[in-house]
Amino acid sequence: MTSETDSKTKGKGNTNGGGGEMPALERAHEVRERADDLARTVSRMAKEVHGTVAAQVTKRPYHAIALAGLAGFVLGGGLSVAVLRGATRMGLRFAMAALLEKAVGASST
């Protein structure tokens, strides 16, 4: 004698292709195999990303620092207007100093 619930759940998504229900142990093994495959794929991708990031940090350390700062800014929820204004002034001062140094160096040669 089957209940109404049994007849509704029979054969829904847990079949092995033969029409019968897949035993729980087989399903658990299948899930574990898929999880292991996913873990290997994620691990391989993480190694590729690490290699790419390491190469870029070596080639362009200032870009890496700027990107890390940007990530911190975004994750931190942004800056207050006063801090942003101060950082902009400091950046402009550095830029002006570099331009003046370049101009003085170019005129002395």
Protein backbone atom coordinates (compact mmCIF):
# COMPACT_ATOMS: atom_id res chain seq x y z
CA MET A 1 0.00 0.00 0.00
CA THR A 2 1.52 3.36 -1.05
CA SER A 3 0.58 6.67 0.37
CA GLU A 4 -0.14 9.78 -1.66
CA THR A 5 3.20 11.32 -0.60
CA ASP A 6 5.15 8.25 -1.74
CA SER A 7 3.54 8.31 -5.17
CA LYS A 8 4.33 12.03 -5.58
CA THR A 9 8.03 11.70 -4.69
CA LYS A 10 8.76 8.45 -6.51
CA GLY A 11 11.09 8.95 -9.46
CA LYS A 12 11.55 12.73 -9.06
CA GLY A 13 15.15 13.64 -9.85
CA ASN A 14 16.72 10.71 -8.00
CA THR A 15 16.75 8.19 -10.81
CA ASN A 16 19.77 6.46 -12.26
CA GLY A 17 18.37 6.40 -15.76
CA GLY A 18 16.76 2.98 -15.40
CA GLY A 19 13.50 4.27 -14.04
CA GLY A 20 14.10 3.17 -10.43
CA GLU A 21 15.17 5.30 -7.51
CA MET A 22 18.89 5.69 -6.90
CA PRO A 23 19.94 4.40 -3.49
CA ALA A 24 21.11 7.09 -1.06
CA LEU A 25 24.65 5.69 -0.90
CA GLU A 26 25.07 5.84 -4.68
CA ARG A 27 23.70 9.37 -4.71
CA ALA A 28 26.13 10.36 -1.96
CA HIS A 29 29.06 8.96 -3.98
CA GLU A 30 27.90 10.86 -7.04
CA VAL A 31 27.63 14.09 -5.08
CA ARG A 32 31.09 13.53 -3.59
CA GLU A 33 32.61 12.91 -7.04
CA ARG A 34 31.08 16.12 -8.35
CA ALA A 35 32.29 18.03 -5.29
CA ASP A 36 35.81 16.63 -5.78
CA ASP A 37 35.74 17.66 -9.45
CA LEU A 38 34.60 21.13 -8.47
CA ALA A 39 37.33 21.39 -5.83
CA ARG A 40 40.00 20.39 -8.37
CA THR A 41 38.69 22.93 -10.88
CA VAL A 42 38.60 25.73 -8.31
CA SER A 43 42.09 24.81 -7.12
CA ARG A 44 43.46 24.87 -10.68
CA MET A 45 41.82 28.24 -11.34
CA ALA A 46 43.17 29.65 -8.07
CA LYS A 47 46.71 28.59 -9.06
CA GLU A 48 46.30 30.28 -12.44
CA VAL A 49 45.04 33.48 -10.81
CA HIS A 50 47.88 33.38 -8.27
CA GLY A 51 50.44 33.02 -11.06
CA THR A 52 48.94 35.90 -13.02
CA VAL A 53 48.72 38.16 -9.97
CA ALA A 54 52.28 37.32 -8.89
CA ALA A 55 53.60 38.15 -12.35
CA GLN A 56 51.70 41.45 -12.46
CA VAL A 57 52.85 42.43 -8.96
CA THR A 58 56.44 41.77 -10.00
CA LYS A 59 56.08 43.71 -13.27
CA ARG A 60 53.94 46.57 -11.95
CA PRO A 61 54.18 46.93 -8.16
CA TYR A 62 52.62 50.40 -8.07
CA HIS A 63 49.57 49.22 -9.99
CA ALA A 64 49.21 46.37 -7.51
CA ILE A 65 49.35 48.80 -4.58
CA ALA A 66 46.77 51.04 -6.24
CA LEU A 67 44.49 48.09 -6.94
CA ALA A 68 44.81 46.88 -3.35
CA GLY A 69 43.94 50.38 -2.16
CA LEU A 70 40.92 50.49 -4.44
CA ALA A 71 39.75 47.11 -3.18
CA GLY A 72 40.10 48.31 0.40
CA PHE A 73 38.18 51.44 -0.47
CA VAL A 74 35.32 49.50 -2.01
CA LEU A 75 35.20 46.88 0.76
CA GLY A 76 35.45 49.56 3.43
CA GLY A 77 32.41 51.38 2.11
CA GLY A 78 34.20 54.44 0.78
CA LEU A 79 35.73 57.47 2.45
CA SER A 80 34.36 60.56 4.06
CA VAL A 81 34.49 63.76 2.02
CA ALA A 82 37.20 65.26 4.24
CA VAL A 83 39.50 62.26 3.85
CA LEU A 84 38.88 62.13 0.11
CA ARG A 85 39.63 65.85 -0.20
CA GLY A 86 42.91 65.43 1.73
CA ALA A 87 43.95 62.43 -0.36
CA THR A 88 43.21 64.36 -3.56
CA ARG A 89 45.31 67.31 -2.40
CA MET A 90 48.18 65.00 -1.50
CA GLY A 91 47.96 63.30 -4.91
CA LEU A 92 47.95 66.65 -6.67
CA ARG A 93 51.01 67.77 -4.69
CA PHE A 94 52.90 64.64 -5.68
CA ALA A 95 51.89 65.09 -9.31
CA MET A 96 52.96 68.75 -9.32
CA ALA A 97 56.27 67.89 -7.64
CA ALA A 98 56.96 65.25 -10.31
CA LEU A 99 56.07 67.68 -13.12
CA LEU A 100 58.26 70.43 -11.66
CA GLU A 101 61.14 68.01 -11.17
CA LYS A 102 60.79 66.86 -14.77
CA ALA A 103 60.62 70.47 -16.03
CA VAL A 104 63.69 71.53 -14.01
CA GLY A 105 65.59 68.46 -15.18
CA ALA A 106 64.68 69.12 -18.82
CA SER A 107 65.70 72.79 -18.68
CA SER A 108 69.10 72.08 -17.08
CA THR A 109 70.22 69.71 -19.86
